[in-house]
């Protein structure tokens, strides 16, 4: 990802899945059946449901979410995704359900309010830095990229997050929120360069 200056080594150690795109590619009405449950891999596995009900019924995501959680170390989704995937459930209750299905780390973005992270059921909320919002396109993807980048810096990619602690989750989510905030401060899906993050950190 040359724009933000995120190094390729860390990202190459991640197996990721954008569920909306895969559901549409595989079959517009059939959930993806290709994820290898129980596969042994040295990479961290991540899932991003990215619910798009105008393309794929929300029920298709709900039917397969337990399967994705069984494979994923990290489940990253938005507050809007949660409302469609776990209707009527609070965010904490939803996190516990997805932990029980197998996802160790659940991260829910909350727009301008920051993000909620749940590691094995222990939760932390990080706030988003104040920003003048120009364009929110790309904010979610920028958050995910920032999260993975910071986890790589902390030495947690390339494995299954066995040594991940809540302090590092807080650190990574705070960094990711900064990346997303800077993305929202400019027109278009234009994530920040590494120098932009350094400058923002000095303010």
N, C-alpha and C. Protein backbone atom coordinates (compact mmCIF):
# COMPACT_ATOMS: atom_id res chain seq x y z
N UNK A 1 0.85 -1.18 0.00
CA UNK A 1 0.00 0.00 0.00
C UNK A 1 0.89 1.23 0.00
N UNK A 2 1.32 1.68 -1.16
CA UNK A 2 2.32 2.73 -1.21
C UNK A 2 1.85 4.05 -0.65
N UNK A 3 0.56 4.36 -0.73
CA UNK A 3 0.10 5.65 -0.25
C UNK A 3 0.42 5.91 1.20
N UNK A 4 -0.03 5.02 2.11
CA UNK A 4 0.21 5.26 3.52
C UNK A 4 1.62 4.94 3.96
N UNK A 5 2.45 4.36 3.09
CA UNK A 5 3.78 3.96 3.50
C UNK A 5 3.78 2.69 4.32
N UNK A 6 2.74 1.88 4.23
CA UNK A 6 2.68 0.63 4.97
C UNK A 6 3.55 -0.38 4.26
N UNK A 7 4.46 -1.03 5.00
CA UNK A 7 5.41 -1.92 4.34
C UNK A 7 4.75 -3.24 3.96
N UNK A 8 5.18 -3.77 2.81
CA UNK A 8 4.56 -4.97 2.26
C UNK A 8 4.84 -6.22 3.05
N UNK A 9 5.95 -6.25 3.81
CA UNK A 9 6.29 -7.46 4.54
C UNK A 9 5.20 -7.86 5.52
N UNK A 10 4.71 -6.86 6.28
CA UNK A 10 3.69 -7.17 7.26
C UNK A 10 2.39 -7.61 6.61
N UNK A 11 1.98 -6.91 5.56
CA UNK A 11 0.71 -7.22 4.93
C UNK A 11 0.77 -8.59 4.26
N UNK A 12 1.95 -9.00 3.79
CA UNK A 12 2.06 -10.30 3.13
C UNK A 12 1.85 -11.44 4.09
N UNK A 13 1.89 -11.17 5.38
CA UNK A 13 1.70 -12.21 6.37
C UNK A 13 0.26 -12.25 6.88
N UNK A 14 -0.64 -11.68 6.10
CA UNK A 14 -2.05 -11.65 6.47
C UNK A 14 -2.87 -12.35 5.39
N UNK A 15 -3.78 -13.22 5.80
CA UNK A 15 -4.76 -13.79 4.88
C UNK A 15 -6.07 -13.08 5.15
N UNK A 16 -6.54 -12.29 4.17
CA UNK A 16 -7.73 -11.47 4.39
C UNK A 16 -8.86 -11.86 3.47
N UNK A 17 -10.07 -11.46 3.84
CA UNK A 17 -11.24 -11.77 3.03
C UNK A 17 -12.24 -10.65 3.13
N UNK A 18 -12.58 -10.05 1.98
CA UNK A 18 -13.65 -9.07 1.91
C UNK A 18 -14.90 -9.83 1.50
N UNK A 19 -15.82 -9.98 2.43
CA UNK A 19 -16.95 -10.89 2.22
C UNK A 19 -17.89 -10.43 1.13
N UNK A 20 -18.16 -9.13 1.05
CA UNK A 20 -19.11 -8.66 0.04
C UNK A 20 -18.62 -8.98 -1.36
N UNK A 21 -17.35 -8.68 -1.61
CA UNK A 21 -16.80 -8.93 -2.94
C UNK A 21 -16.83 -10.42 -3.25
N UNK A 22 -16.48 -11.27 -2.28
CA UNK A 22 -16.42 -12.70 -2.55
C UNK A 22 -17.81 -13.29 -2.75
N UNK A 23 -18.78 -12.82 -1.99
CA UNK A 23 -20.14 -13.33 -2.16
C UNK A 23 -20.67 -13.01 -3.55
N UNK A 24 -20.37 -11.81 -4.04
CA UNK A 24 -20.85 -11.42 -5.36
C UNK A 24 -20.12 -12.20 -6.45
N UNK A 25 -18.80 -12.37 -6.29
CA UNK A 25 -18.02 -13.10 -7.29
C UNK A 25 -18.44 -14.56 -7.36
N UNK A 26 -18.57 -15.20 -6.21
CA UNK A 26 -18.88 -16.62 -6.19
C UNK A 26 -20.28 -16.89 -6.75
N UNK A 27 -21.23 -16.14 -6.26
CA UNK A 27 -22.62 -16.28 -6.71
C UNK A 27 -23.40 -15.18 -6.03
N UNK A 28 -24.21 -14.43 -6.74
CA UNK A 28 -24.89 -13.30 -6.12
C UNK A 28 -25.81 -13.67 -4.98
N UNK A 29 -26.21 -14.93 -4.87
CA UNK A 29 -27.13 -15.32 -3.80
C UNK A 29 -26.59 -16.47 -2.96
N UNK A 30 -25.36 -16.91 -3.21
CA UNK A 30 -24.80 -18.04 -2.48
C UNK A 30 -23.63 -17.60 -1.63
N UNK A 31 -23.61 -17.94 -0.33
CA UNK A 31 -22.47 -17.58 0.51
C UNK A 31 -21.22 -18.33 0.09
N UNK A 32 -20.09 -17.75 0.45
CA UNK A 32 -18.79 -18.34 0.12
C UNK A 32 -18.56 -19.60 0.95
N UNK A 33 -18.14 -20.67 0.30
CA UNK A 33 -17.86 -21.93 0.98
C UNK A 33 -16.38 -22.29 0.88
N UNK A 34 -15.52 -21.35 0.47
CA UNK A 34 -14.16 -21.73 0.13
C UNK A 34 -13.16 -21.56 1.26
N UNK A 35 -13.54 -20.95 2.39
CA UNK A 35 -12.57 -20.72 3.43
C UNK A 35 -12.21 -22.03 4.13
N UNK A 36 -10.93 -22.31 4.30
CA UNK A 36 -10.49 -23.60 4.82
C UNK A 36 -10.48 -23.66 6.34
N UNK A 37 -11.56 -24.11 6.95
CA UNK A 37 -11.61 -24.23 8.41
C UNK A 37 -10.55 -25.23 8.85
N UNK A 38 -9.79 -24.85 9.89
CA UNK A 38 -8.81 -25.76 10.43
C UNK A 38 -7.51 -25.81 9.67
N UNK A 39 -7.35 -24.94 8.67
CA UNK A 39 -6.10 -24.95 7.92
C UNK A 39 -4.96 -24.47 8.80
N UNK A 40 -3.79 -25.04 8.60
CA UNK A 40 -2.60 -24.64 9.34
C UNK A 40 -1.84 -23.65 8.49
N UNK A 41 -1.60 -22.46 9.02
CA UNK A 41 -0.94 -21.42 8.25
C UNK A 41 -0.17 -20.52 9.19
N UNK A 42 0.95 -20.00 8.73
CA UNK A 42 1.76 -19.11 9.56
C UNK A 42 1.24 -17.69 9.51
N UNK A 43 0.23 -17.41 8.71
CA UNK A 43 -0.29 -16.05 8.57
C UNK A 43 -1.46 -15.81 9.51
N UNK A 44 -1.60 -14.56 9.90
CA UNK A 44 -2.79 -14.15 10.64
C UNK A 44 -3.96 -14.09 9.67
N UNK A 45 -5.13 -14.58 10.09
CA UNK A 45 -6.32 -14.58 9.24
C UNK A 45 -7.26 -13.46 9.68
N UNK A 46 -7.72 -12.67 8.71
CA UNK A 46 -8.65 -11.60 9.01
C UNK A 46 -9.88 -11.67 8.13
N UNK A 47 -11.02 -11.28 8.68
CA UNK A 47 -12.27 -11.25 7.92
C UNK A 47 -12.93 -9.89 8.10
N UNK A 48 -13.43 -9.36 6.99
CA UNK A 48 -14.13 -8.08 6.99
C UNK A 48 -15.45 -8.29 6.25
N UNK A 49 -16.56 -8.48 6.97
CA UNK A 49 -17.84 -8.76 6.29
C UNK A 49 -18.26 -7.69 5.29
N UNK A 50 -18.04 -6.40 5.62
CA UNK A 50 -18.33 -5.32 4.66
C UNK A 50 -19.72 -5.50 4.04
N UNK A 51 -20.72 -5.54 4.89
CA UNK A 51 -22.08 -5.88 4.48
C UNK A 51 -22.62 -4.85 3.49
N UNK A 52 -23.11 -5.34 2.36
CA UNK A 52 -23.70 -4.50 1.32
C UNK A 52 -25.06 -5.11 0.95
N UNK A 53 -26.10 -4.80 1.72
CA UNK A 53 -27.40 -5.46 1.53
C UNK A 53 -28.06 -5.19 0.18
N UNK A 54 -27.65 -4.12 -0.52
CA UNK A 54 -28.20 -3.88 -1.84
C UNK A 54 -27.62 -4.84 -2.88
N UNK A 55 -26.47 -5.43 -2.57
CA UNK A 55 -25.84 -6.41 -3.46
C UNK A 55 -26.14 -7.85 -3.05
N UNK A 56 -26.08 -8.10 -1.75
CA UNK A 56 -26.25 -9.45 -1.20
C UNK A 56 -27.15 -9.35 0.03
N UNK A 57 -28.16 -10.18 0.16
CA UNK A 57 -29.02 -10.12 1.35
C UNK A 57 -28.22 -10.29 2.63
N UNK A 58 -28.57 -9.53 3.66
CA UNK A 58 -27.86 -9.64 4.93
C UNK A 58 -27.93 -11.05 5.49
N UNK A 59 -28.98 -11.76 5.18
CA UNK A 59 -29.12 -13.14 5.68
C UNK A 59 -28.00 -14.04 5.16
N UNK A 60 -27.47 -13.74 3.96
CA UNK A 60 -26.38 -14.54 3.41
C UNK A 60 -25.12 -14.39 4.25
N UNK A 61 -24.88 -13.18 4.73
CA UNK A 61 -23.74 -12.97 5.62
C UNK A 61 -23.96 -13.69 6.95
N UNK A 62 -25.16 -13.55 7.50
CA UNK A 62 -25.43 -14.15 8.81
C UNK A 62 -25.28 -15.67 8.75
N UNK A 63 -25.66 -16.27 7.64
CA UNK A 63 -25.57 -17.73 7.52
C UNK A 63 -24.12 -18.22 7.55
N UNK A 64 -23.19 -17.39 7.07
CA UNK A 64 -21.81 -17.83 6.96
C UNK A 64 -20.88 -17.21 8.00
N UNK A 65 -21.38 -16.28 8.78
CA UNK A 65 -20.49 -15.56 9.68
C UNK A 65 -19.80 -16.49 10.67
N UNK A 66 -20.49 -17.51 11.17
CA UNK A 66 -19.85 -18.44 12.11
C UNK A 66 -18.68 -19.16 11.45
N UNK A 67 -18.80 -19.42 10.15
CA UNK A 67 -17.73 -20.09 9.40
C UNK A 67 -16.52 -19.18 9.27
N UNK A 68 -16.76 -17.90 8.95
CA UNK A 68 -15.66 -16.95 8.85
C UNK A 68 -14.98 -16.77 10.20
N UNK A 69 -15.76 -16.70 11.29
CA UNK A 69 -15.18 -16.54 12.62
C UNK A 69 -14.33 -17.74 13.01
N UNK A 70 -14.73 -18.92 12.57
CA UNK A 70 -13.96 -20.12 12.89
C UNK A 70 -12.58 -20.09 12.28
N UNK A 71 -12.42 -19.34 11.19
CA UNK A 71 -11.13 -19.24 10.50
C UNK A 71 -10.36 -17.99 10.94
N UNK A 72 -11.07 -16.92 11.24
CA UNK A 72 -10.43 -15.61 11.44
C UNK A 72 -9.84 -15.44 12.82
N UNK A 73 -8.66 -14.82 12.87
CA UNK A 73 -8.10 -14.33 14.13
C UNK A 73 -8.66 -12.96 14.45
N UNK A 74 -8.90 -12.15 13.40
CA UNK A 74 -9.44 -10.80 13.56
C UNK A 74 -10.71 -10.68 12.73
N UNK A 75 -11.76 -10.24 13.36
CA UNK A 75 -13.00 -9.89 12.67
C UNK A 75 -13.14 -8.38 12.77
N UNK A 76 -13.07 -7.68 11.64
CA UNK A 76 -13.17 -6.22 11.62
C UNK A 76 -14.43 -5.82 10.89
N UNK A 77 -15.28 -5.06 11.55
CA UNK A 77 -16.54 -4.65 10.95
C UNK A 77 -16.95 -3.30 11.51
N UNK A 78 -17.98 -2.73 10.89
CA UNK A 78 -18.45 -1.42 11.32
C UNK A 78 -19.68 -1.58 12.22
N UNK A 79 -20.04 -0.50 12.87
CA UNK A 79 -21.25 -0.49 13.69
C UNK A 79 -22.48 -0.78 12.83
N UNK A 80 -22.50 -0.26 11.61
CA UNK A 80 -23.62 -0.54 10.70
C UNK A 80 -23.66 -2.03 10.33
N UNK A 81 -22.47 -2.64 10.11
CA UNK A 81 -22.42 -4.08 9.85
C UNK A 81 -23.05 -4.85 11.00
N UNK A 82 -22.71 -4.44 12.22
CA UNK A 82 -23.23 -5.14 13.41
C UNK A 82 -24.74 -5.10 13.47
N UNK A 83 -25.32 -3.96 13.11
CA UNK A 83 -26.78 -3.83 13.16
C UNK A 83 -27.45 -4.82 12.20
N UNK A 84 -26.78 -5.15 11.11
CA UNK A 84 -27.34 -6.09 10.13
C UNK A 84 -27.00 -7.54 10.46
N UNK A 85 -25.83 -7.75 11.05
CA UNK A 85 -25.39 -9.12 11.32
C UNK A 85 -25.90 -9.65 12.65
N UNK A 86 -26.14 -8.74 13.60
CA UNK A 86 -26.64 -9.16 14.92
C UNK A 86 -27.76 -8.21 15.33
N UNK A 87 -28.86 -8.21 14.57
CA UNK A 87 -29.95 -7.26 14.85
C UNK A 87 -30.51 -7.46 16.26
N UNK A 88 -30.66 -6.35 16.96
CA UNK A 88 -31.21 -6.39 18.31
C UNK A 88 -30.21 -6.66 19.40
N UNK A 89 -28.98 -7.02 19.05
CA UNK A 89 -27.95 -7.31 20.04
C UNK A 89 -27.09 -6.08 20.28
N UNK A 90 -26.65 -5.90 21.51
CA UNK A 90 -25.68 -4.86 21.79
C UNK A 90 -24.32 -5.24 21.24
N UNK A 91 -23.42 -4.26 21.16
CA UNK A 91 -22.11 -4.55 20.58
C UNK A 91 -21.34 -5.56 21.41
N UNK A 92 -21.43 -5.47 22.73
CA UNK A 92 -20.74 -6.43 23.58
C UNK A 92 -21.27 -7.83 23.40
N UNK A 93 -22.58 -7.95 23.34
CA UNK A 93 -23.20 -9.26 23.13
C UNK A 93 -22.78 -9.85 21.78
N UNK A 94 -22.76 -9.00 20.75
CA UNK A 94 -22.35 -9.46 19.43
C UNK A 94 -20.90 -9.93 19.46
N UNK A 95 -20.02 -9.18 20.11
CA UNK A 95 -18.62 -9.59 20.22
C UNK A 95 -18.49 -10.96 20.88
N UNK A 96 -19.23 -11.17 21.96
CA UNK A 96 -19.15 -12.45 22.67
C UNK A 96 -19.61 -13.60 21.78
N UNK A 97 -20.64 -13.36 20.98
CA UNK A 97 -21.11 -14.39 20.04
C UNK A 97 -20.03 -14.76 19.04
N UNK A 98 -19.34 -13.75 18.53
CA UNK A 98 -18.31 -14.01 17.51
C UNK A 98 -17.05 -14.59 18.12
N UNK A 99 -16.75 -14.23 19.38
CA UNK A 99 -15.65 -14.91 20.08
C UNK A 99 -15.96 -16.41 20.23
N UNK A 100 -17.19 -16.70 20.63
CA UNK A 100 -17.58 -18.10 20.82
C UNK A 100 -17.47 -18.89 19.52
N UNK A 101 -17.65 -18.20 18.39
CA UNK A 101 -17.55 -18.86 17.08
C UNK A 101 -16.10 -19.03 16.63
N UNK A 102 -15.16 -18.34 17.33
CA UNK A 102 -13.76 -18.58 17.02
C UNK A 102 -12.87 -17.37 16.82
N UNK A 103 -13.44 -16.18 16.59
CA UNK A 103 -12.61 -14.99 16.36
C UNK A 103 -12.02 -14.50 17.67
N UNK A 104 -10.70 -14.40 17.74
CA UNK A 104 -10.06 -13.96 18.99
C UNK A 104 -10.20 -12.46 19.20
N UNK A 105 -10.00 -11.70 18.13
CA UNK A 105 -10.08 -10.24 18.22
C UNK A 105 -11.20 -9.73 17.33
N UNK A 106 -12.13 -8.98 17.92
CA UNK A 106 -13.21 -8.34 17.17
C UNK A 106 -13.02 -6.83 17.30
N UNK A 107 -12.98 -6.15 16.17
CA UNK A 107 -12.81 -4.69 16.16
C UNK A 107 -13.98 -4.09 15.40
N UNK A 108 -14.71 -3.19 16.07
CA UNK A 108 -15.88 -2.55 15.49
C UNK A 108 -15.62 -1.05 15.40
N UNK A 109 -15.63 -0.52 14.18
CA UNK A 109 -15.43 0.92 14.01
C UNK A 109 -16.75 1.65 14.30
N UNK A 110 -16.63 2.81 14.94
CA UNK A 110 -17.79 3.58 15.40
C UNK A 110 -17.87 4.95 14.75
N UNK A 111 -17.33 5.07 13.54
CA UNK A 111 -17.35 6.36 12.87
C UNK A 111 -16.51 7.38 13.62
N UNK A 112 -17.04 8.57 13.78
CA UNK A 112 -16.31 9.63 14.46
C UNK A 112 -16.08 9.39 15.94
N UNK A 113 -16.72 8.35 16.50
CA UNK A 113 -16.54 8.06 17.93
C UNK A 113 -15.36 7.13 18.19
N UNK A 114 -14.71 6.64 17.13
CA UNK A 114 -13.55 5.79 17.35
C UNK A 114 -13.83 4.33 17.04
N UNK A 115 -13.45 3.45 17.96
CA UNK A 115 -13.62 2.02 17.72
C UNK A 115 -13.70 1.27 19.04
N UNK A 116 -14.40 0.15 18.99
CA UNK A 116 -14.49 -0.79 20.10
C UNK A 116 -13.71 -2.04 19.72
N UNK A 117 -12.80 -2.47 20.58
CA UNK A 117 -12.06 -3.71 20.34
C UNK A 117 -12.33 -4.67 21.48
N UNK A 118 -12.48 -5.94 21.13
CA UNK A 118 -12.74 -6.98 22.12
C UNK A 118 -11.76 -8.12 21.89
N UNK A 119 -10.89 -8.36 22.85
CA UNK A 119 -9.89 -9.42 22.77
C UNK A 119 -10.26 -10.50 23.77
N UNK A 120 -10.71 -11.63 23.26
CA UNK A 120 -11.13 -12.74 24.13
C UNK A 120 -12.16 -12.28 25.16
N UNK A 121 -13.00 -11.32 24.77
CA UNK A 121 -14.07 -10.87 25.67
C UNK A 121 -13.71 -9.69 26.55
N UNK A 122 -12.45 -9.29 26.56
CA UNK A 122 -12.03 -8.10 27.31
C UNK A 122 -12.03 -6.92 26.35
N UNK A 123 -12.76 -5.87 26.70
CA UNK A 123 -13.02 -4.81 25.73
C UNK A 123 -12.34 -3.48 26.09
N UNK A 124 -12.05 -2.73 25.04
CA UNK A 124 -11.51 -1.39 25.19
C UNK A 124 -12.09 -0.52 24.08
N UNK A 125 -12.33 0.75 24.38
CA UNK A 125 -12.80 1.70 23.39
C UNK A 125 -11.74 2.76 23.19
N UNK A 126 -11.42 3.05 21.94
CA UNK A 126 -10.48 4.12 21.63
C UNK A 126 -11.25 5.23 20.94
N UNK A 127 -10.87 6.45 21.20
CA UNK A 127 -11.53 7.60 20.58
C UNK A 127 -10.82 7.98 19.29
N UNK A 128 -11.56 8.59 18.40
CA UNK A 128 -10.97 9.10 17.16
C UNK A 128 -10.47 10.51 17.40
N UNK A 129 -9.33 10.87 16.83
CA UNK A 129 -8.86 12.25 16.97
C UNK A 129 -9.85 13.22 16.34
N UNK A 130 -9.93 14.44 16.84
CA UNK A 130 -10.83 15.42 16.23
C UNK A 130 -10.40 15.71 14.80
N UNK A 131 -11.39 15.94 13.95
CA UNK A 131 -11.07 16.17 12.55
C UNK A 131 -12.15 17.00 11.89
N UNK A 132 -11.75 17.72 10.85
CA UNK A 132 -12.70 18.37 9.95
C UNK A 132 -12.94 17.37 8.82
N UNK A 133 -14.14 16.80 8.78
CA UNK A 133 -14.42 15.75 7.82
C UNK A 133 -14.72 16.34 6.45
N UNK A 134 -13.94 15.93 5.45
CA UNK A 134 -14.14 16.36 4.08
C UNK A 134 -14.80 15.25 3.26
N UNK A 135 -14.36 14.01 3.47
CA UNK A 135 -14.86 12.88 2.68
C UNK A 135 -14.60 11.60 3.46
N UNK A 136 -15.64 10.81 3.70
CA UNK A 136 -15.46 9.58 4.49
C UNK A 136 -15.16 8.35 3.63
N UNK A 137 -15.11 8.51 2.30
CA UNK A 137 -14.82 7.37 1.43
C UNK A 137 -13.42 6.84 1.75
N UNK A 138 -13.33 5.55 1.99
CA UNK A 138 -12.05 4.92 2.27
C UNK A 138 -11.67 4.89 3.73
N UNK A 139 -12.50 5.47 4.60
CA UNK A 139 -12.14 5.53 6.02
C UNK A 139 -12.03 4.13 6.64
N UNK A 140 -12.99 3.26 6.32
CA UNK A 140 -12.96 1.91 6.90
C UNK A 140 -11.76 1.11 6.44
N UNK A 141 -11.47 1.17 5.15
CA UNK A 141 -10.31 0.45 4.63
C UNK A 141 -9.02 1.02 5.20
N UNK A 142 -8.97 2.33 5.38
CA UNK A 142 -7.78 2.95 5.96
C UNK A 142 -7.60 2.51 7.40
N UNK A 143 -8.70 2.41 8.14
CA UNK A 143 -8.62 1.92 9.51
C UNK A 143 -8.04 0.51 9.53
N UNK A 144 -8.54 -0.36 8.67
CA UNK A 144 -8.06 -1.73 8.64
C UNK A 144 -6.58 -1.79 8.28
N UNK A 145 -6.17 -1.00 7.29
CA UNK A 145 -4.76 -0.96 6.91
C UNK A 145 -3.89 -0.47 8.06
N UNK A 146 -4.35 0.56 8.75
CA UNK A 146 -3.61 1.07 9.90
C UNK A 146 -3.51 0.05 11.02
N UNK A 147 -4.61 -0.66 11.26
CA UNK A 147 -4.62 -1.70 12.29
C UNK A 147 -3.58 -2.78 11.99
N UNK A 148 -3.58 -3.27 10.76
CA UNK A 148 -2.64 -4.33 10.37
C UNK A 148 -1.20 -3.82 10.39
N UNK A 149 -1.01 -2.60 9.93
CA UNK A 149 0.34 -2.02 9.92
C UNK A 149 0.90 -1.94 11.33
N UNK A 150 0.09 -1.46 12.25
CA UNK A 150 0.58 -1.31 13.63
C UNK A 150 0.77 -2.67 14.29
N UNK A 151 -0.10 -3.62 14.03
CA UNK A 151 0.11 -4.97 14.57
C UNK A 151 1.41 -5.57 14.04
N UNK A 152 1.73 -5.26 12.77
CA UNK A 152 2.99 -5.73 12.20
C UNK A 152 4.17 -5.08 12.92
N UNK A 153 4.09 -3.76 13.15
CA UNK A 153 5.15 -3.06 13.86
C UNK A 153 5.38 -3.65 15.25
N UNK A 154 4.31 -4.10 15.86
CA UNK A 154 4.38 -4.65 17.22
C UNK A 154 4.76 -6.13 17.23
N UNK A 155 4.95 -6.69 16.04
CA UNK A 155 5.43 -8.07 15.95
C UNK A 155 4.36 -9.13 16.03
N UNK A 156 3.10 -8.75 15.70
CA UNK A 156 2.02 -9.72 15.87
C UNK A 156 1.51 -10.33 14.57
N UNK A 157 2.05 -9.94 13.42
CA UNK A 157 1.66 -10.60 12.19
C UNK A 157 2.67 -11.70 11.87
N UNK A 158 2.25 -12.64 11.06
CA UNK A 158 3.10 -13.78 10.77
C UNK A 158 2.80 -14.95 11.69
N UNK A 159 1.81 -14.81 12.54
CA UNK A 159 1.38 -15.87 13.45
C UNK A 159 -0.10 -15.75 13.71
N UNK A 160 -0.59 -16.41 14.73
CA UNK A 160 -2.03 -16.44 14.99
C UNK A 160 -2.43 -15.60 16.21
N UNK A 161 -1.66 -14.54 16.48
CA UNK A 161 -1.95 -13.58 17.56
C UNK A 161 -1.88 -14.21 18.95
N UNK A 162 -1.08 -15.26 19.09
CA UNK A 162 -1.00 -15.96 20.37
C UNK A 162 -0.49 -15.07 21.50
N UNK A 163 0.39 -14.12 21.17
CA UNK A 163 0.99 -13.27 22.21
C UNK A 163 0.34 -11.90 22.30
N UNK A 164 -0.76 -11.70 21.61
CA UNK A 164 -1.39 -10.39 21.58
C UNK A 164 -1.99 -10.04 22.94
N UNK A 165 -1.68 -8.83 23.41
CA UNK A 165 -2.21 -8.33 24.68
C UNK A 165 -3.11 -7.12 24.43
N UNK A 166 -3.97 -6.81 25.40
CA UNK A 166 -4.92 -5.72 25.24
C UNK A 166 -4.22 -4.39 25.03
N UNK A 167 -3.06 -4.20 25.66
CA UNK A 167 -2.33 -2.94 25.49
C UNK A 167 -1.94 -2.74 24.02
N UNK A 168 -1.53 -3.80 23.36
CA UNK A 168 -1.16 -3.69 21.96
C UNK A 168 -2.39 -3.48 21.07
N UNK A 169 -3.50 -4.08 21.45
CA UNK A 169 -4.74 -3.85 20.71
C UNK A 169 -5.13 -2.37 20.79
N UNK A 170 -5.04 -1.81 21.99
CA UNK A 170 -5.36 -0.39 22.18
C UNK A 170 -4.45 0.48 21.33
N UNK A 171 -3.16 0.18 21.36
CA UNK A 171 -2.18 0.92 20.58
C UNK A 171 -2.52 0.85 19.09
N UNK A 172 -2.76 -0.37 18.59
CA UNK A 172 -3.03 -0.56 17.17
C UNK A 172 -4.31 0.13 16.73
N UNK A 173 -5.35 0.06 17.57
CA UNK A 173 -6.62 0.70 17.21
C UNK A 173 -6.51 2.22 17.25
N UNK A 174 -5.73 2.75 18.18
CA UNK A 174 -5.52 4.19 18.23
C UNK A 174 -4.79 4.67 16.99
N UNK A 175 -3.78 3.92 16.58
CA UNK A 175 -3.06 4.25 15.35
C UNK A 175 -4.00 4.18 14.15
N UNK A 176 -4.81 3.13 14.09
CA UNK A 176 -5.75 2.97 12.98
C UNK A 176 -6.76 4.11 12.93
N UNK A 177 -7.22 4.55 14.09
CA UNK A 177 -8.16 5.67 14.14
C UNK A 177 -7.52 6.95 13.61
N UNK A 178 -6.22 7.12 13.88
CA UNK A 178 -5.51 8.29 13.35
C UNK A 178 -5.42 8.22 11.83
N UNK A 179 -5.13 7.03 11.30
CA UNK A 179 -5.06 6.86 9.85
C UNK A 179 -6.40 7.18 9.20
N UNK A 180 -7.48 6.65 9.79
CA UNK A 180 -8.81 6.87 9.24
C UNK A 180 -9.20 8.35 9.31
N UNK A 181 -8.85 9.01 10.41
CA UNK A 181 -9.16 10.42 10.56
C UNK A 181 -8.48 11.26 9.49
N UNK A 182 -7.21 10.97 9.23
CA UNK A 182 -6.49 11.73 8.21
C UNK A 182 -7.07 11.45 6.82
N UNK A 183 -7.53 10.23 6.58
CA UNK A 183 -8.17 9.91 5.30
C UNK A 183 -9.43 10.75 5.11
N UNK A 184 -10.18 10.94 6.20
CA UNK A 184 -11.42 11.71 6.11
C UNK A 184 -11.17 13.21 5.94
N UNK A 185 -9.97 13.65 6.17
CA UNK A 185 -9.69 15.09 6.14
C UNK A 185 -9.35 15.61 4.74
N UNK A 186 -9.31 14.71 3.75
CA UNK A 186 -8.98 15.11 2.37
C UNK A 186 -10.01 14.51 1.42
N UNK A 187 -10.18 15.07 0.23
CA UNK A 187 -11.15 14.52 -0.73
C UNK A 187 -10.68 13.17 -1.27
N UNK A 188 -11.63 12.28 -1.50
CA UNK A 188 -11.35 10.99 -2.12
C UNK A 188 -10.76 9.99 -1.14
N UNK A 189 -10.65 8.75 -1.62
CA UNK A 189 -10.07 7.68 -0.80
C UNK A 189 -8.55 7.79 -0.89
N UNK A 190 -8.00 8.71 -0.12
CA UNK A 190 -6.59 9.06 -0.22
C UNK A 190 -5.93 8.93 1.15
N UNK A 191 -5.49 7.72 1.51
CA UNK A 191 -4.93 7.51 2.85
C UNK A 191 -3.61 8.26 3.02
N UNK A 192 -3.23 8.52 4.27
CA UNK A 192 -2.04 9.33 4.52
C UNK A 192 -0.73 8.58 4.26
N UNK A 193 0.31 9.35 3.97
CA UNK A 193 1.66 8.83 3.92
C UNK A 193 2.20 8.75 5.35
N UNK A 194 3.27 8.00 5.52
CA UNK A 194 3.85 7.85 6.85
C UNK A 194 4.24 9.21 7.44
N UNK A 195 4.77 10.12 6.59
CA UNK A 195 5.17 11.44 7.08
C UNK A 195 3.97 12.23 7.60
N UNK A 196 2.80 12.02 6.98
CA UNK A 196 1.59 12.72 7.43
C UNK A 196 1.23 12.31 8.85
N UNK A 197 1.43 11.02 9.16
CA UNK A 197 1.13 10.52 10.50
C UNK A 197 2.08 11.09 11.52
N UNK A 198 3.35 11.22 11.14
CA UNK A 198 4.34 11.81 12.05
C UNK A 198 3.99 13.25 12.35
N UNK A 199 3.64 14.01 11.32
CA UNK A 199 3.28 15.41 11.50
C UNK A 199 2.03 15.54 12.36
N UNK A 200 1.04 14.69 12.10
CA UNK A 200 -0.21 14.75 12.89
C UNK A 200 0.06 14.43 14.35
N UNK A 201 1.01 13.55 14.60
CA UNK A 201 1.32 13.17 15.98
C UNK A 201 2.00 14.28 16.76
N UNK A 202 2.54 15.24 16.08
CA UNK A 202 3.22 16.36 16.74
C UNK A 202 2.28 17.48 17.09
N UNK A 203 1.05 17.45 16.57
CA UNK A 203 0.13 18.57 16.78
C UNK A 203 -0.43 18.54 18.19
